[in-house]
Amino acid sequence: MKTVVVWSLVLWFALVCEQARPELFLSGSLVIPTVVGCLFWLRNGTGMLLAGSVLLLSWTLRTQGPPVEVIVVLLMSARLLTGRPRRGPLERQAARRMLPVLVCVLGETALCLSGLPTVDLSECLSALVPRLMMAVPAAAVIVFLGHLCEELGLRRTVTV
């Protein structure tokens, strides 16, 4: 229960930062990595509910096109968390470390593409690069903290 409260506060803080300073933080550049970190940290239905509600609240405040990033982030995370890997334990652990960053990049790309009226490669890249410059390091820090907590025994690990 304590982790849910902490993640609620962290997600709320990311949402407030994006809304308070839109010229500094682009929409989705803090919320999406934080939501992905929450999903891969909690790995349960409570995390999915909490992350989905924050993504929908972010979309409601933004009101820019359909909520494609909500669908992409939640479906990709659910698939990656419930899927059975078919590789060995060493390859599985090495690949698992990069999954939250991959989900974050896909969510930012979906957010960028849903806001553009036409899909032009140069426009898409010019809109995507500033988002990824903030989102990928934020996701990497959250992934690093998650694995550090696993190594130090501060987090219970669930083997799938």
Protein backbone atom coordinates (compact mmCIF):
# COMPACT_ATOMS: atom_id res chain seq x y z
CA MET A 1 0.00 0.00 0.00
CA LYS A 2 2.90 2.35 0.73
CA THR A 3 4.31 1.90 -2.76
CA VAL A 4 0.96 2.80 -4.30
CA VAL A 5 0.83 6.02 -2.28
CA VAL A 6 4.41 6.89 -3.22
CA TRP A 7 3.78 6.21 -6.90
CA SER A 8 0.57 8.27 -6.73
CA LEU A 9 2.54 11.21 -5.39
CA VAL A 10 5.32 10.79 -7.96
CA LEU A 11 2.82 10.59 -10.84
CA TRP A 12 0.92 13.60 -9.50
CA PHE A 13 4.18 15.56 -9.24
CA ALA A 14 5.11 14.72 -12.85
CA LEU A 15 1.65 15.77 -14.05
CA VAL A 16 1.77 19.03 -12.09
CA CYS A 17 5.27 19.85 -13.40
CA GLU A 18 4.14 19.38 -16.98
CA GLN A 19 1.05 21.53 -16.49
CA ALA A 20 2.79 24.25 -14.51
CA ARG A 21 5.66 24.81 -16.94
CA PRO A 22 4.52 23.84 -20.46
CA GLU A 23 7.31 25.89 -22.03
CA LEU A 24 9.92 23.88 -20.10
CA PHE A 25 8.34 20.40 -20.07
CA LEU A 26 6.60 19.24 -23.24
CA SER A 27 3.38 17.32 -22.77
CA GLY A 28 4.10 13.68 -22.06
CA SER A 29 7.84 14.11 -21.59
CA LEU A 30 7.65 13.48 -17.84
CA VAL A 31 4.33 11.70 -17.43
CA ILE A 32 4.96 8.87 -19.89
CA PRO A 33 8.35 7.77 -18.45
CA THR A 34 6.97 8.02 -14.93
CA VAL A 35 3.90 5.98 -15.86
CA VAL A 36 6.08 3.33 -17.51
CA GLY A 37 8.27 3.23 -14.41
CA CYS A 38 5.16 2.79 -12.25
CA LEU A 39 3.88 -0.02 -14.44
CA PHE A 40 7.15 -1.93 -14.45
CA TRP A 41 7.70 -1.33 -10.73
CA LEU A 42 4.29 -2.44 -9.44
CA ARG A 43 3.61 -5.10 -12.11
CA ASN A 44 -0.01 -5.58 -11.07
CA GLY A 45 -3.54 -4.36 -11.70
CA THR A 46 -3.22 -1.51 -9.23
CA GLY A 47 -0.27 -0.14 -11.16
CA MET A 48 -2.20 -0.47 -14.41
CA LEU A 49 -5.20 1.35 -12.93
CA LEU A 50 -3.06 4.10 -11.44
CA ALA A 51 -1.04 4.58 -14.62
CA GLY A 52 -4.11 4.53 -16.86
CA SER A 53 -5.91 7.10 -14.75
CA VAL A 54 -2.92 9.46 -14.81
CA LEU A 55 -2.52 9.04 -18.58
CA LEU A 56 -6.21 9.77 -19.11
CA LEU A 57 -6.01 12.81 -16.84
CA SER A 58 -3.00 14.04 -18.79
CA TRP A 59 -4.88 13.55 -22.06
CA THR A 60 -7.92 15.39 -20.65
CA LEU A 61 -5.77 18.36 -19.66
CA ARG A 62 -3.99 18.36 -23.04
CA THR A 63 -6.98 17.72 -25.36
CA GLN A 64 -4.90 17.23 -28.47
CA GLY A 65 -6.22 14.45 -30.65
CA PRO A 66 -7.21 10.93 -29.63
CA PRO A 67 -5.51 9.25 -26.64
CA VAL A 68 -3.31 7.00 -28.76
CA GLU A 69 -0.37 7.16 -26.34
CA VAL A 70 -2.60 5.86 -23.53
CA ILE A 71 -3.51 2.81 -25.58
CA VAL A 72 0.05 2.19 -26.78
CA VAL A 73 1.67 2.50 -23.34
CA LEU A 74 -0.91 0.40 -21.51
CA LEU A 75 -1.17 -2.36 -24.13
CA MET A 76 2.59 -2.64 -24.68
CA SER A 77 3.26 -2.70 -20.94
CA ALA A 78 0.55 -5.29 -20.31
CA ARG A 79 1.87 -7.47 -23.12
CA LEU A 80 5.48 -7.23 -21.97
CA LEU A 81 4.63 -7.86 -18.33
CA THR A 82 2.40 -10.87 -18.96
CA GLY A 83 4.24 -12.46 -21.88
CA ARG A 84 6.40 -15.50 -21.32
CA PRO A 85 9.96 -15.07 -22.63
CA ARG A 86 11.30 -17.96 -24.65
CA ARG A 87 14.98 -17.25 -24.09
CA GLY A 88 17.46 -18.22 -21.40
CA PRO A 89 17.65 -16.46 -18.03
CA LEU A 90 20.67 -14.29 -18.90
CA GLU A 91 19.22 -13.05 -22.18
CA ARG A 92 15.84 -12.52 -20.55
CA GLN A 93 17.31 -10.33 -17.82
CA ALA A 94 19.41 -8.27 -20.25
CA ALA A 95 16.46 -7.69 -22.56
CA ARG A 96 14.10 -6.96 -19.67
CA ARG A 97 16.19 -3.97 -18.59
CA MET A 98 15.52 -2.11 -21.82
CA LEU A 99 11.78 -2.80 -22.08
CA PRO A 100 10.60 0.28 -20.11
CA VAL A 101 12.74 2.56 -22.28
CA LEU A 102 11.29 0.93 -25.42
CA VAL A 103 7.73 1.40 -24.16
CA CYS A 104 8.53 5.03 -23.32
CA VAL A 105 9.89 5.70 -26.82
CA LEU A 106 6.83 4.07 -28.43
CA GLY A 107 4.49 6.11 -26.21
CA GLU A 108 6.25 9.37 -27.05
CA THR A 109 6.16 8.51 -30.76
CA ALA A 110 2.43 7.79 -30.58
CA LEU A 111 1.86 11.09 -28.73
CA CYS A 112 3.86 12.96 -31.35
CA LEU A 113 2.08 11.32 -34.29
CA SER A 114 -1.39 11.89 -32.82
CA GLY A 115 -0.75 15.63 -32.58
CA LEU A 116 0.40 16.14 -36.16
CA PRO A 117 -2.20 16.89 -38.86
CA THR A 118 -0.09 15.26 -41.58
CA VAL A 119 2.56 12.61 -41.22
CA ASP A 120 5.68 14.23 -42.63
CA LEU A 121 8.97 12.68 -41.58
CA SER A 122 10.79 15.96 -41.01
CA GLU A 123 7.91 17.42 -38.96
CA CYS A 124 7.62 14.22 -36.94
CA LEU A 125 11.33 14.11 -36.17
CA SER A 126 11.47 17.79 -35.25
CA ALA A 127 8.56 17.29 -32.83
CA LEU A 128 9.84 13.96 -31.47
CA VAL A 129 13.46 14.82 -30.71
CA PRO A 130 12.77 17.36 -27.89
CA ARG A 131 10.33 14.93 -26.27
CA LEU A 132 12.79 12.05 -26.41
CA MET A 133 15.61 14.21 -25.08
CA MET A 134 13.69 14.47 -21.81
CA ALA A 135 11.77 11.19 -21.80
CA VAL A 136 14.57 8.70 -22.46
CA PRO A 137 16.90 9.93 -19.66
CA ALA A 138 13.94 10.08 -17.26
CA ALA A 139 12.98 6.50 -18.16
CA ALA A 140 16.60 5.37 -17.87
CA VAL A 141 16.90 6.89 -14.38
CA ILE A 142 13.69 5.18 -13.26
CA VAL A 143 14.89 1.84 -14.69
CA PHE A 144 18.28 2.29 -13.00
CA LEU A 145 16.64 3.05 -9.64
CA GLY A 146 14.38 0.01 -10.00
CA HIS A 147 17.29 -2.33 -10.63
CA LEU A 148 19.34 -0.71 -7.89
CA CYS A 149 16.49 -1.29 -5.43
CA GLU A 150 16.27 -4.92 -6.57
CA GLU A 151 19.99 -5.42 -6.00
CA LEU A 152 19.90 -3.78 -2.57
CA GLY A 153 16.87 -5.80 -1.49
CA LEU A 154 14.57 -2.80 -1.16
CA ARG A 155 12.06 -4.23 -3.59
CA ARG A 156 10.53 -7.64 -3.81
CA THR A 157 11.13 -9.32 -7.13
CA VAL A 158 8.57 -11.35 -8.98
CA THR A 159 9.83 -13.98 -11.39
CA VAL A 160 7.58 -14.51 -14.35
